[in-house]
Each structure stands twice: as structure tokens, then as C-alpha cells.
N, C-alpha and C. Protein backbone atom coordinates (compact mmCIF):
# COMPACT_ATOMS: atom_id res chain seq x y z
N MET A 1 28.20 93.98 40.45
CA MET A 1 28.26 92.61 39.96
C MET A 1 28.06 91.65 41.10
N LEU A 2 27.17 90.70 40.96
CA LEU A 2 26.86 89.75 42.02
C LEU A 2 27.68 88.50 41.81
N LEU A 3 28.28 88.01 42.97
CA LEU A 3 29.07 86.78 42.92
C LEU A 3 28.16 85.59 43.15
N SER A 4 28.32 84.63 42.35
CA SER A 4 27.54 83.41 42.52
C SER A 4 28.05 82.63 43.69
N PRO A 5 27.26 81.72 44.23
CA PRO A 5 27.72 80.87 45.34
C PRO A 5 28.96 80.11 44.97
N LEU A 6 29.18 79.79 43.72
CA LEU A 6 30.38 79.04 43.33
C LEU A 6 31.62 79.88 43.52
N HIS A 7 31.46 81.21 43.11
CA HIS A 7 32.61 82.11 43.30
C HIS A 7 32.92 82.32 44.76
N MET A 8 31.88 82.43 45.63
CA MET A 8 32.10 82.66 47.07
C MET A 8 32.77 81.47 47.71
N ARG A 9 32.41 80.25 47.23
CA ARG A 9 33.05 79.06 47.83
C ARG A 9 34.53 79.01 47.44
N GLY A 10 34.96 79.62 46.37
CA GLY A 10 36.38 79.58 45.95
C GLY A 10 37.21 80.68 46.55
N ALA A 11 36.56 81.65 47.26
CA ALA A 11 37.32 82.77 47.84
C ALA A 11 38.34 82.33 48.86
N PRO A 12 38.03 81.43 49.83
CA PRO A 12 39.07 81.02 50.82
C PRO A 12 40.26 80.38 50.14
N ALA A 13 40.05 79.59 49.11
CA ALA A 13 41.16 78.96 48.42
C ALA A 13 42.04 80.00 47.77
N LEU A 14 41.43 81.07 47.23
CA LEU A 14 42.22 82.13 46.60
C LEU A 14 43.06 82.88 47.61
N VAL A 15 42.48 83.15 48.79
CA VAL A 15 43.24 83.85 49.85
C VAL A 15 44.41 83.02 50.30
N GLY A 16 44.21 81.71 50.48
CA GLY A 16 45.31 80.84 50.89
C GLY A 16 46.42 80.81 49.87
N ALA A 17 46.04 80.81 48.57
CA ALA A 17 47.07 80.80 47.53
C ALA A 17 47.88 82.07 47.56
N LEU A 18 47.22 83.21 47.83
CA LEU A 18 47.95 84.48 47.90
C LEU A 18 48.94 84.49 49.07
N VAL A 19 48.57 83.90 50.23
CA VAL A 19 49.47 83.84 51.41
C VAL A 19 50.69 83.01 51.10
N VAL A 20 50.49 81.85 50.43
CA VAL A 20 51.62 80.98 50.08
C VAL A 20 52.54 81.69 49.11
N LEU A 21 51.95 82.43 48.17
CA LEU A 21 52.75 83.14 47.18
C LEU A 21 53.58 84.24 47.84
N ALA A 22 53.00 84.94 48.83
CA ALA A 22 53.73 86.01 49.52
C ALA A 22 54.89 85.44 50.31
N ALA A 23 54.69 84.26 50.96
CA ALA A 23 55.77 83.64 51.75
C ALA A 23 56.89 83.20 50.84
N SER A 24 56.53 82.68 49.64
CA SER A 24 57.58 82.17 48.75
C SER A 24 58.38 83.29 48.12
N THR A 25 57.85 84.51 48.02
CA THR A 25 58.57 85.63 47.42
C THR A 25 59.39 86.39 48.43
N GLY A 26 59.49 85.94 49.71
CA GLY A 26 60.36 86.57 50.72
C GLY A 26 59.74 87.75 51.40
N THR A 27 58.44 87.94 51.37
CA THR A 27 57.80 89.04 52.08
C THR A 27 57.98 88.83 53.58
N PRO A 28 58.53 89.80 54.31
CA PRO A 28 58.79 89.59 55.74
C PRO A 28 57.52 89.36 56.51
N SER A 29 57.60 88.52 57.49
CA SER A 29 56.46 88.21 58.36
C SER A 29 56.68 88.85 59.72
N ALA A 30 55.62 89.19 60.35
CA ALA A 30 55.70 89.81 61.67
C ALA A 30 56.30 88.87 62.70
N TYR A 31 56.24 87.56 62.40
CA TYR A 31 56.75 86.58 63.38
C TYR A 31 58.13 86.07 63.00
N ALA A 32 58.72 86.65 61.94
CA ALA A 32 60.06 86.18 61.55
C ALA A 32 61.07 86.60 62.60
N SER A 33 62.04 85.76 62.92
CA SER A 33 63.06 86.05 63.94
C SER A 33 64.15 86.91 63.33
N ASP A 34 64.91 87.71 64.24
CA ASP A 34 66.00 88.55 63.78
C ASP A 34 67.16 87.68 63.31
N PRO A 35 67.93 88.16 62.33
CA PRO A 35 69.08 87.37 61.88
C PRO A 35 70.12 87.26 63.00
N PRO A 36 70.88 86.18 63.08
CA PRO A 36 71.86 86.00 64.17
C PRO A 36 72.93 87.07 64.12
N ARG A 37 73.32 87.59 65.30
CA ARG A 37 74.34 88.62 65.39
C ARG A 37 75.72 87.97 65.39
N PRO A 38 76.70 88.62 64.80
CA PRO A 38 78.06 88.05 64.82
C PRO A 38 78.62 88.02 66.24
N ALA A 39 79.39 86.97 66.55
CA ALA A 39 79.98 86.83 67.88
C ALA A 39 81.00 87.94 68.11
N PRO A 40 81.03 88.54 69.33
CA PRO A 40 82.00 89.62 69.59
C PRO A 40 83.43 89.09 69.53
N GLU A 41 84.31 89.93 69.03
CA GLU A 41 85.70 89.52 68.93
C GLU A 41 86.32 89.47 70.32
N PRO A 42 87.15 88.48 70.57
CA PRO A 42 87.77 88.38 71.91
C PRO A 42 88.69 89.56 72.17
N VAL A 43 88.62 90.05 73.41
CA VAL A 43 89.46 91.19 73.82
C VAL A 43 90.63 90.64 74.61
N ASN A 44 91.82 90.93 74.13
CA ASN A 44 93.02 90.46 74.83
C ASN A 44 93.23 91.28 76.09
N ALA A 45 93.45 90.57 77.21
CA ALA A 45 93.70 91.24 78.48
C ALA A 45 95.05 91.93 78.42
N PRO A 46 95.16 93.15 78.99
CA PRO A 46 96.45 93.85 78.94
C PRO A 46 97.51 93.09 79.73
N THR A 47 98.70 93.09 79.21
CA THR A 47 99.80 92.41 79.88
C THR A 47 100.27 93.24 81.07
N ALA A 48 100.36 92.60 82.23
CA ALA A 48 100.78 93.29 83.43
C ALA A 48 102.27 93.60 83.37
N GLU A 49 102.61 94.87 83.57
CA GLU A 49 103.99 95.28 83.57
C GLU A 49 104.49 95.36 85.01
N PRO A 50 105.80 95.23 85.21
CA PRO A 50 106.32 95.35 86.57
C PRO A 50 105.99 96.72 87.16
N ASP A 51 105.62 96.75 88.45
CA ASP A 51 105.36 98.00 89.12
C ASP A 51 106.66 98.77 89.30
N SER A 52 106.59 100.08 89.19
CA SER A 52 107.76 100.91 89.37
C SER A 52 107.31 102.27 89.86
N GLY A 53 108.14 102.92 90.65
CA GLY A 53 107.80 104.24 91.16
C GLY A 53 108.74 104.67 92.28
N PHE A 54 108.51 105.88 92.76
CA PHE A 54 109.37 106.46 93.79
C PHE A 54 108.95 106.00 95.18
N MET A 55 109.94 105.92 96.07
CA MET A 55 109.70 105.61 97.47
C MET A 55 110.49 106.59 98.33
N ILE A 56 109.86 107.08 99.40
CA ILE A 56 110.49 108.00 100.34
C ILE A 56 110.30 107.42 101.73
N GLY A 57 111.39 107.39 102.52
CA GLY A 57 111.30 106.76 103.84
C GLY A 57 111.97 107.58 104.92
N ALA A 58 111.52 107.35 106.16
CA ALA A 58 112.12 107.95 107.35
C ALA A 58 112.56 106.81 108.27
N THR A 59 113.76 106.95 108.85
CA THR A 59 114.37 105.88 109.63
C THR A 59 114.66 106.34 111.05
N LEU A 60 114.37 105.47 111.99
CA LEU A 60 114.74 105.67 113.40
C LEU A 60 115.60 104.49 113.81
N SER A 61 116.81 104.76 114.36
CA SER A 61 117.78 103.70 114.61
C SER A 61 118.38 103.84 116.01
N TYR A 62 118.93 102.72 116.46
CA TYR A 62 119.83 102.72 117.62
C TYR A 62 121.19 102.31 117.09
N PHE A 63 122.15 103.22 117.16
CA PHE A 63 123.43 103.09 116.46
C PHE A 63 124.54 102.85 117.47
N SER A 64 125.29 101.78 117.27
CA SER A 64 126.33 101.41 118.23
C SER A 64 127.67 101.26 117.53
N PRO A 65 128.69 102.04 117.91
CA PRO A 65 130.01 101.90 117.29
C PRO A 65 130.86 100.85 118.01
N PHE A 66 131.68 100.16 117.21
CA PHE A 66 132.73 99.32 117.76
C PHE A 66 134.04 100.07 117.54
N VAL A 67 134.70 100.43 118.61
CA VAL A 67 135.90 101.25 118.50
C VAL A 67 137.12 100.36 118.68
N PRO A 68 137.82 100.03 117.60
CA PRO A 68 139.00 99.17 117.72
C PRO A 68 140.19 99.94 118.29
N ALA A 69 141.26 99.22 118.55
CA ALA A 69 142.43 99.84 119.16
C ALA A 69 143.07 100.88 118.26
N SER A 70 142.89 100.75 116.93
CA SER A 70 143.51 101.69 116.01
C SER A 70 142.82 103.05 116.00
N TRP A 71 141.64 103.10 116.59
CA TRP A 71 140.89 104.36 116.59
C TRP A 71 141.45 105.30 117.65
N ALA A 72 141.81 106.50 117.23
CA ALA A 72 142.33 107.48 118.18
C ALA A 72 141.20 107.98 119.07
N PRO A 73 141.47 108.33 120.30
CA PRO A 73 140.43 108.88 121.16
C PRO A 73 139.88 110.17 120.55
N PRO A 74 138.74 110.60 120.97
CA PRO A 74 138.00 110.23 122.16
C PRO A 74 137.01 109.09 121.97
N LEU A 75 136.43 108.68 123.07
CA LEU A 75 135.51 107.55 123.08
C LEU A 75 134.14 107.94 122.53
N LEU A 76 133.54 107.04 121.75
CA LEU A 76 132.18 107.21 121.26
C LEU A 76 131.31 106.12 121.85
N ALA A 77 130.12 106.48 122.30
CA ALA A 77 129.18 105.52 122.86
C ALA A 77 127.93 105.45 121.98
N ALA A 78 127.15 104.40 122.16
CA ALA A 78 125.95 104.19 121.35
C ALA A 78 124.93 105.31 121.58
N GLY A 79 124.11 105.54 120.56
CA GLY A 79 123.09 106.56 120.68
C GLY A 79 122.04 106.42 119.59
N PRO A 80 121.00 107.23 119.66
CA PRO A 80 119.93 107.17 118.65
C PRO A 80 120.36 107.85 117.35
N ALA A 81 119.66 107.51 116.28
CA ALA A 81 119.94 108.09 114.97
C ALA A 81 118.64 108.27 114.20
N ILE A 82 118.60 109.28 113.37
CA ILE A 82 117.47 109.51 112.49
C ILE A 82 117.99 109.59 111.06
N GLY A 83 117.15 109.26 110.09
CA GLY A 83 117.61 109.26 108.72
C GLY A 83 116.48 109.44 107.72
N LEU A 84 116.86 109.73 106.49
CA LEU A 84 115.93 109.86 105.37
C LEU A 84 116.44 109.02 104.22
N ARG A 85 115.51 108.43 103.48
CA ARG A 85 115.85 107.64 102.30
C ARG A 85 114.88 108.00 101.17
N ALA A 86 115.41 108.04 99.96
CA ALA A 86 114.58 108.33 98.79
C ALA A 86 115.17 107.62 97.59
N GLY A 87 114.31 107.00 96.80
CA GLY A 87 114.81 106.28 95.63
C GLY A 87 113.69 105.80 94.74
N TYR A 88 114.04 104.90 93.85
CA TYR A 88 113.11 104.38 92.83
C TYR A 88 113.09 102.86 92.90
N ARG A 89 111.89 102.29 92.83
CA ARG A 89 111.75 100.83 92.90
C ARG A 89 111.30 100.28 91.56
N TRP A 90 112.04 99.26 91.08
CA TRP A 90 111.65 98.48 89.91
C TRP A 90 111.25 97.10 90.40
N ARG A 91 109.99 96.94 90.70
CA ARG A 91 109.46 95.67 91.17
C ARG A 91 110.22 95.12 92.39
N PHE A 92 111.21 94.26 92.17
CA PHE A 92 111.92 93.65 93.29
C PHE A 92 113.13 94.45 93.76
N LEU A 93 113.61 95.38 92.95
CA LEU A 93 114.84 96.11 93.26
C LEU A 93 114.53 97.58 93.55
N TYR A 94 115.31 98.13 94.49
CA TYR A 94 115.19 99.54 94.86
C TYR A 94 116.59 100.13 94.90
N ALA A 95 116.78 101.32 94.33
CA ALA A 95 118.05 102.03 94.39
C ALA A 95 117.75 103.47 94.80
N GLY A 96 118.55 103.99 95.74
CA GLY A 96 118.29 105.34 96.19
C GLY A 96 119.41 105.91 97.03
N ALA A 97 119.15 107.10 97.54
CA ALA A 97 120.11 107.82 98.37
C ALA A 97 119.68 107.75 99.83
N ALA A 98 120.66 107.85 100.74
CA ALA A 98 120.38 107.76 102.17
C ALA A 98 121.16 108.83 102.93
N TYR A 99 120.52 109.38 103.96
CA TYR A 99 121.17 110.32 104.87
C TYR A 99 120.87 109.89 106.30
N GLN A 100 121.87 110.05 107.18
CA GLN A 100 121.68 109.66 108.58
C GLN A 100 122.44 110.62 109.49
N HIS A 101 121.81 110.95 110.60
CA HIS A 101 122.47 111.74 111.65
C HIS A 101 122.41 110.95 112.95
N VAL A 102 123.57 110.78 113.58
CA VAL A 102 123.69 109.99 114.80
C VAL A 102 124.02 110.90 115.97
N PHE A 103 123.33 110.69 117.07
CA PHE A 103 123.62 111.39 118.32
C PHE A 103 124.41 110.43 119.22
N PHE A 104 125.73 110.47 119.12
CA PHE A 104 126.54 109.56 119.92
C PHE A 104 126.50 109.96 121.39
N GLY A 105 126.69 108.94 122.21
CA GLY A 105 126.92 109.19 123.62
C GLY A 105 128.41 109.41 123.87
N GLY A 106 128.76 109.88 125.05
CA GLY A 106 130.15 110.14 125.40
C GLY A 106 130.66 109.17 126.44
N GLY A 107 131.79 109.50 127.01
CA GLY A 107 132.39 108.66 128.02
C GLY A 107 133.79 109.17 128.35
N THR A 108 134.42 108.51 129.28
CA THR A 108 135.78 108.87 129.66
C THR A 108 136.76 107.91 129.02
N TYR A 109 137.96 108.38 128.76
CA TYR A 109 138.98 107.54 128.14
C TYR A 109 140.34 108.01 128.63
N ALA A 110 141.30 107.12 128.51
CA ALA A 110 142.66 107.43 128.98
C ALA A 110 143.55 107.74 127.79
N GLN A 111 144.37 108.75 127.94
CA GLN A 111 145.35 109.11 126.91
C GLN A 111 146.65 109.44 127.63
N ASP A 112 147.66 108.65 127.35
CA ASP A 112 148.91 108.72 128.09
C ASP A 112 148.62 108.47 129.57
N VAL A 113 148.91 109.43 130.41
CA VAL A 113 148.70 109.22 131.85
C VAL A 113 147.51 110.02 132.35
N GLU A 114 146.78 110.65 131.44
CA GLU A 114 145.65 111.49 131.85
C GLU A 114 144.33 110.84 131.42
N THR A 115 143.30 111.25 132.12
CA THR A 115 141.95 110.78 131.78
C THR A 115 141.14 111.96 131.24
N PHE A 116 140.51 111.72 130.10
CA PHE A 116 139.73 112.77 129.46
C PHE A 116 138.28 112.31 129.30
N ARG A 117 137.47 113.24 128.87
CA ARG A 117 136.04 112.96 128.77
C ARG A 117 135.50 113.50 127.46
N THR A 118 134.68 112.68 126.79
CA THR A 118 133.97 113.13 125.58
C THR A 118 132.76 113.93 126.01
N LEU A 119 132.71 115.18 125.61
CA LEU A 119 131.60 116.05 126.00
C LEU A 119 130.39 115.85 125.10
N SER A 120 130.61 115.76 123.80
CA SER A 120 129.52 115.53 122.84
C SER A 120 130.11 114.95 121.57
N ALA A 121 129.30 114.21 120.86
CA ALA A 121 129.74 113.61 119.60
C ALA A 121 128.52 113.36 118.72
N SER A 122 128.72 113.50 117.43
CA SER A 122 127.64 113.24 116.47
C SER A 122 128.26 112.78 115.16
N SER A 123 127.43 112.32 114.26
CA SER A 123 127.92 111.82 112.98
C SER A 123 126.86 112.07 111.91
N ASP A 124 127.36 112.37 110.70
CA ASP A 124 126.49 112.52 109.54
C ASP A 124 126.99 111.59 108.44
N TYR A 125 126.04 110.90 107.82
CA TYR A 125 126.37 109.93 106.77
C TYR A 125 125.54 110.23 105.54
N GLY A 126 126.18 110.16 104.38
CA GLY A 126 125.47 110.27 103.11
C GLY A 126 125.96 109.18 102.16
N GLY A 127 125.05 108.48 101.51
CA GLY A 127 125.46 107.39 100.65
C GLY A 127 124.36 106.89 99.74
N LEU A 128 124.60 105.76 99.11
CA LEU A 128 123.68 105.14 98.18
C LEU A 128 123.29 103.76 98.68
N ASP A 129 122.05 103.37 98.42
CA ASP A 129 121.52 102.07 98.83
C ASP A 129 121.08 101.26 97.62
N LEU A 130 121.26 99.96 97.71
CA LEU A 130 120.69 99.01 96.76
C LEU A 130 119.95 97.95 97.56
N VAL A 131 118.66 97.77 97.27
CA VAL A 131 117.79 96.91 98.08
C VAL A 131 117.13 95.87 97.19
N ALA A 132 116.98 94.67 97.73
CA ALA A 132 116.20 93.61 97.07
C ALA A 132 115.08 93.18 98.01
N ILE A 133 113.85 93.12 97.48
CA ILE A 133 112.67 92.67 98.23
C ILE A 133 112.15 91.40 97.57
N THR A 134 112.04 90.33 98.35
CA THR A 134 111.72 89.04 97.74
C THR A 134 110.33 89.02 97.11
N SER A 135 109.34 89.65 97.75
CA SER A 135 107.97 89.64 97.22
C SER A 135 107.29 90.95 97.62
N PRO A 136 107.40 92.00 96.81
CA PRO A 136 106.90 93.31 97.21
C PRO A 136 105.40 93.36 97.48
N ASP A 137 104.60 92.51 96.81
CA ASP A 137 103.15 92.56 96.98
C ASP A 137 102.65 91.73 98.15
N ALA A 138 103.53 90.92 98.75
CA ALA A 138 103.12 90.09 99.88
C ALA A 138 103.01 90.93 101.14
N LEU A 139 102.27 90.40 102.11
CA LEU A 139 102.12 91.11 103.38
C LEU A 139 103.46 91.21 104.10
N VAL A 140 104.23 90.12 104.10
CA VAL A 140 105.55 90.09 104.75
C VAL A 140 106.54 89.50 103.75
N ALA A 141 107.69 90.14 103.60
CA ALA A 141 108.72 89.68 102.67
C ALA A 141 110.09 89.98 103.24
N ALA A 142 111.09 89.24 102.78
CA ALA A 142 112.46 89.48 103.21
C ALA A 142 113.02 90.71 102.51
N PHE A 143 113.92 91.39 103.22
CA PHE A 143 114.46 92.68 102.77
C PHE A 143 115.98 92.64 102.94
N PHE A 144 116.73 92.86 101.84
CA PHE A 144 118.19 92.83 101.89
C PHE A 144 118.73 94.14 101.33
N ARG A 145 119.73 94.70 102.03
CA ARG A 145 120.25 96.01 101.63
C ARG A 145 121.77 96.01 101.70
N ILE A 146 122.40 96.65 100.71
CA ILE A 146 123.82 96.97 100.77
C ILE A 146 123.95 98.45 100.44
N GLY A 147 125.02 99.07 100.94
CA GLY A 147 125.17 100.49 100.71
C GLY A 147 126.61 100.93 100.88
N ALA A 148 126.90 102.12 100.39
CA ALA A 148 128.24 102.69 100.52
C ALA A 148 128.11 104.20 100.60
N GLY A 149 128.97 104.83 101.41
CA GLY A 149 128.90 106.27 101.54
C GLY A 149 130.04 106.81 102.37
N VAL A 150 129.92 108.07 102.74
CA VAL A 150 130.93 108.77 103.52
C VAL A 150 130.33 109.20 104.85
N ARG A 151 131.07 108.94 105.94
CA ARG A 151 130.61 109.31 107.28
C ARG A 151 131.55 110.36 107.88
N PHE A 152 130.93 111.42 108.39
CA PHE A 152 131.66 112.47 109.10
C PHE A 152 131.34 112.37 110.59
N ILE A 153 132.37 112.44 111.42
CA ILE A 153 132.21 112.35 112.87
C ILE A 153 132.74 113.63 113.50
N GLN A 154 131.90 114.26 114.30
CA GLN A 154 132.28 115.47 115.02
C GLN A 154 132.34 115.16 116.52
N VAL A 155 133.46 115.47 117.13
CA VAL A 155 133.66 115.15 118.54
C VAL A 155 134.16 116.39 119.27
N ARG A 156 133.62 116.62 120.43
CA ARG A 156 134.11 117.68 121.31
C ARG A 156 134.47 117.06 122.65
N SER A 157 135.71 117.19 123.04
CA SER A 157 136.18 116.61 124.31
C SER A 157 137.03 117.62 125.06
N ASP A 158 137.33 117.31 126.30
CA ASP A 158 138.15 118.23 127.10
C ASP A 158 139.64 117.97 126.92
N SER A 159 140.00 117.08 125.99
CA SER A 159 141.42 116.85 125.73
C SER A 159 141.97 117.86 124.74
N THR A 160 141.11 118.34 123.83
CA THR A 160 141.53 119.33 122.84
C THR A 160 140.47 120.42 122.77
N PRO A 161 140.87 121.64 122.55
CA PRO A 161 139.87 122.71 122.44
C PRO A 161 139.11 122.61 121.12
N GLY A 162 137.87 123.04 121.13
CA GLY A 162 137.06 123.04 119.92
C GLY A 162 136.52 121.67 119.57
N THR A 163 136.06 121.54 118.33
CA THR A 163 135.45 120.31 117.84
C THR A 163 136.36 119.66 116.81
N THR A 164 136.58 118.36 116.96
CA THR A 164 137.40 117.60 116.01
C THR A 164 136.49 116.87 115.03
N THR A 165 136.76 117.01 113.75
CA THR A 165 135.95 116.36 112.72
C THR A 165 136.81 115.41 111.91
N THR A 166 136.36 114.18 111.77
CA THR A 166 137.03 113.20 110.93
C THR A 166 136.03 112.64 109.93
N SER A 167 136.52 112.11 108.83
CA SER A 167 135.65 111.51 107.82
C SER A 167 136.33 110.30 107.23
N ASN A 168 135.54 109.34 106.82
CA ASN A 168 136.07 108.16 106.14
C ASN A 168 134.96 107.48 105.34
N PHE A 169 135.38 106.69 104.37
CA PHE A 169 134.45 105.95 103.52
C PHE A 169 133.94 104.74 104.28
N ASP A 170 132.63 104.57 104.34
CA ASP A 170 132.02 103.45 105.05
C ASP A 170 131.24 102.58 104.07
N LEU A 171 131.21 101.30 104.35
CA LEU A 171 130.50 100.33 103.52
C LEU A 171 129.56 99.53 104.41
N THR A 172 128.26 99.51 104.04
CA THR A 172 127.30 98.66 104.73
C THR A 172 127.43 97.25 104.16
N LEU A 173 128.06 96.37 104.94
CA LEU A 173 128.27 95.03 104.44
C LEU A 173 126.95 94.34 104.14
N LEU A 174 126.02 94.45 105.08
CA LEU A 174 124.75 93.76 104.89
C LEU A 174 123.70 94.33 105.83
N GLY A 175 122.54 94.58 105.28
CA GLY A 175 121.37 94.92 106.07
C GLY A 175 120.29 93.89 105.81
N ILE A 176 119.78 93.27 106.86
CA ILE A 176 118.78 92.22 106.74
C ILE A 176 117.54 92.63 107.53
N GLY A 177 116.38 92.49 106.91
CA GLY A 177 115.16 92.86 107.60
C GLY A 177 113.95 92.20 106.98
N ALA A 178 112.80 92.71 107.34
CA ALA A 178 111.53 92.20 106.83
C ALA A 178 110.67 93.38 106.41
N GLN A 179 110.06 93.28 105.24
CA GLN A 179 109.13 94.30 104.77
C GLN A 179 107.71 93.92 105.17
N ILE A 180 107.01 94.84 105.82
CA ILE A 180 105.60 94.64 106.15
C ILE A 180 104.80 95.60 105.27
N ASN A 181 104.01 95.02 104.36
CA ASN A 181 103.26 95.79 103.37
C ASN A 181 101.90 96.19 103.95
N VAL A 182 101.67 97.49 104.08
CA VAL A 182 100.42 98.00 104.63
C VAL A 182 99.64 98.69 103.51
N GLY A 183 98.78 97.94 102.85
CA GLY A 183 97.92 98.51 101.81
C GLY A 183 98.62 98.83 100.51
N GLY A 184 99.88 98.45 100.34
CA GLY A 184 100.58 98.70 99.10
C GLY A 184 101.24 100.06 99.01
N TRP A 185 100.83 101.02 99.83
CA TRP A 185 101.40 102.38 99.76
C TRP A 185 102.29 102.70 100.94
N LEU A 186 102.30 101.83 101.95
CA LEU A 186 103.12 102.03 103.14
C LEU A 186 103.87 100.74 103.43
N ARG A 187 105.19 100.85 103.58
CA ARG A 187 106.03 99.67 103.84
C ARG A 187 106.87 99.94 105.08
N VAL A 188 106.73 99.09 106.09
CA VAL A 188 107.48 99.22 107.34
C VAL A 188 108.56 98.14 107.35
N VAL A 189 109.81 98.56 107.57
CA VAL A 189 110.95 97.64 107.46
C VAL A 189 111.78 97.69 108.74
N PRO A 190 111.61 96.72 109.65
CA PRO A 190 112.58 96.56 110.75
C PRO A 190 113.83 95.87 110.22
N GLU A 191 115.01 96.33 110.66
CA GLU A 191 116.25 95.87 110.03
C GLU A 191 117.41 95.91 111.01
N ILE A 192 118.34 94.99 110.85
CA ILE A 192 119.63 95.03 111.52
C ILE A 192 120.70 95.15 110.44
N SER A 193 121.68 96.04 110.65
CA SER A 193 122.70 96.26 109.62
C SER A 193 124.08 96.36 110.26
N PHE A 194 125.09 96.09 109.44
CA PHE A 194 126.48 96.12 109.87
C PHE A 194 127.25 97.01 108.90
N GLU A 195 128.05 97.92 109.46
CA GLU A 195 128.77 98.90 108.65
C GLU A 195 130.22 98.94 109.08
N VAL A 196 131.13 99.02 108.12
CA VAL A 196 132.56 99.07 108.45
C VAL A 196 133.23 100.20 107.68
N GLY A 197 134.31 100.71 108.25
CA GLY A 197 135.14 101.71 107.60
C GLY A 197 136.60 101.43 107.91
N PRO A 198 137.50 102.24 107.41
CA PRO A 198 138.92 102.00 107.65
C PRO A 198 139.31 102.05 109.13
N LEU A 199 138.60 102.88 109.93
CA LEU A 199 139.00 103.06 111.32
C LEU A 199 137.97 102.58 112.32
N ASN A 200 136.78 102.27 111.88
CA ASN A 200 135.75 101.93 112.85
C ASN A 200 134.71 101.01 112.21
N ALA A 201 133.83 100.49 113.05
CA ALA A 201 132.75 99.63 112.59
C ALA A 201 131.52 99.91 113.45
N TYR A 202 130.34 99.65 112.86
CA TYR A 202 129.09 99.98 113.55
C TYR A 202 128.07 98.87 113.30
N THR A 203 127.15 98.80 114.23
CA THR A 203 125.96 97.98 114.02
C THR A 203 124.75 98.81 114.44
N SER A 204 123.63 98.57 113.82
CA SER A 204 122.45 99.36 114.16
C SER A 204 121.19 98.52 114.02
N LEU A 205 120.24 98.85 114.85
CA LEU A 205 118.88 98.31 114.78
C LEU A 205 117.98 99.46 114.36
N SER A 206 117.21 99.28 113.32
CA SER A 206 116.43 100.40 112.79
C SER A 206 115.06 99.96 112.33
N VAL A 207 114.18 100.93 112.21
CA VAL A 207 112.86 100.75 111.62
C VAL A 207 112.67 101.89 110.61
N THR A 208 112.43 101.52 109.36
CA THR A 208 112.21 102.51 108.30
C THR A 208 110.78 102.39 107.80
N THR A 209 110.11 103.51 107.70
CA THR A 209 108.76 103.56 107.13
C THR A 209 108.85 104.22 105.76
N TYR A 210 108.54 103.45 104.71
CA TYR A 210 108.59 103.95 103.33
C TYR A 210 107.18 104.30 102.87
N PHE A 211 107.06 105.44 102.21
CA PHE A 211 105.83 105.79 101.49
C PHE A 211 106.07 105.43 100.02
N ASP A 212 105.25 104.54 99.51
CA ASP A 212 105.45 103.97 98.18
C ASP A 212 104.53 104.66 97.17
N PHE A 213 105.11 105.37 96.22
CA PHE A 213 104.34 106.04 95.16
C PHE A 213 104.41 105.25 93.87
N THR A 214 104.49 103.94 93.99
CA THR A 214 104.62 103.07 92.83
C THR A 214 103.41 103.16 91.92
N ARG A 215 103.66 103.18 90.60
CA ARG A 215 102.59 103.17 89.60
C ARG A 215 102.03 101.76 89.46
N ARG A 216 100.73 101.62 89.68
CA ARG A 216 100.07 100.33 89.58
C ARG A 216 99.67 100.07 88.14
N SER A 217 100.26 99.05 87.50
CA SER A 217 99.95 98.77 86.09
C SER A 217 98.96 97.64 85.91
N ARG A 218 98.50 97.03 87.00
CA ARG A 218 97.56 95.93 86.88
C ARG A 218 96.18 96.40 87.23
């Protein structure tokens, strides 16, 4: 069948009508944009919990006794001390156990009309500590400690044969120091402390290095 020139002139109009009809019926176009995606739901940041975990420390001290008049001989002199500490830290507070061994020096002392000499002396202490740290995450923070325990003193002198052992309850009135935070896992604490008991009193200068196994929740 041959198309007349009139039919050929109407072909473009027919094609245009078909395109408009396709657009109006929702036929997708290659240039149509994707539908908008829903906005992501906000994610709530986890709430930071206080850090907590175990701490283990080693202490090196210079331990000096004050021997009042009520203390029976023999004489005790200042000496070095070593110690161990272990406990648990809840953010600003630490509670734990402490052990210390002191190597006392000796000396001469008078008893009645004779003069005697302390040949050797040592002491062992076991007790509990309660510590407050003003800002555990800071590089430098204040450190406060109180403690209570039992101290055993062993003395060997030429006034009596053998070794004499005494024991008494001791209370650390106050330990004041500074915490130096090294990377969060190592804490160095220089400290001065004062300790009293029924028969004697002591002061010590110490440095404790704590290894901090605290769980990081942030």
C-alpha cells in the first residue's frame, strides 16, 4: 500500500502524539531520576561508663621510725623498704591490699648501766589501702591514701639471745603524693606517708609504679 504525501506529512505529528501519550501513562524514561532515599536514622553514641580494672604495683621506700620513750629497746634506725600492692580501681577510687618489708638499720642503746647494740632488724607489714585520685586520665594528678594493717618487727641484739619479734596494729594516717600517668597503663606515684601504732610511729618517702589493667569503656 502506497502512502500519499498527505499521510507522510502527518507521520511526525502522530509520533509526537505517541510520545506524549507514553509520558502521561507513566512509562519510565531513561532520563528519569532515582526516587529520594530515606534519611538514615540517627545513631546514639554509646554512653561512656567509668573506667574500672585491676592495678598491681611495686614500691621502693626509705622508711624511718620515730622511737618514743615508751618503746622498749633495742634501737631501730632508718632503712630501705620494698613492697607490693594489688587492688581494683573504680575511676577515682582504688581499694587494695599492701605488703611491705623493711630493712632497718641498727645502733647502740643504753639499758640500765650497760650499753647494747642492735645487730639486725627488719619489719613486715600487711594491710589494706584506700586511695583517691583527683583526675586519673590527666598527666599529673593528686594522690591521697589511707591504710590500716599489722606490722611485725624482728630484732636481734646482743642484749638478749636469739631474735625478738613484736607486732602491733598500725594506721597510715595520711599518704600524699602525685600520680604521673604514662600512657594510661603505667602510673608512677611519688609519695610521703605517716604511720602510727600503739608503740611507735614512722614516716616514709616512696615511689610506687602501678601497672593499670583498667578496662577502657570509651
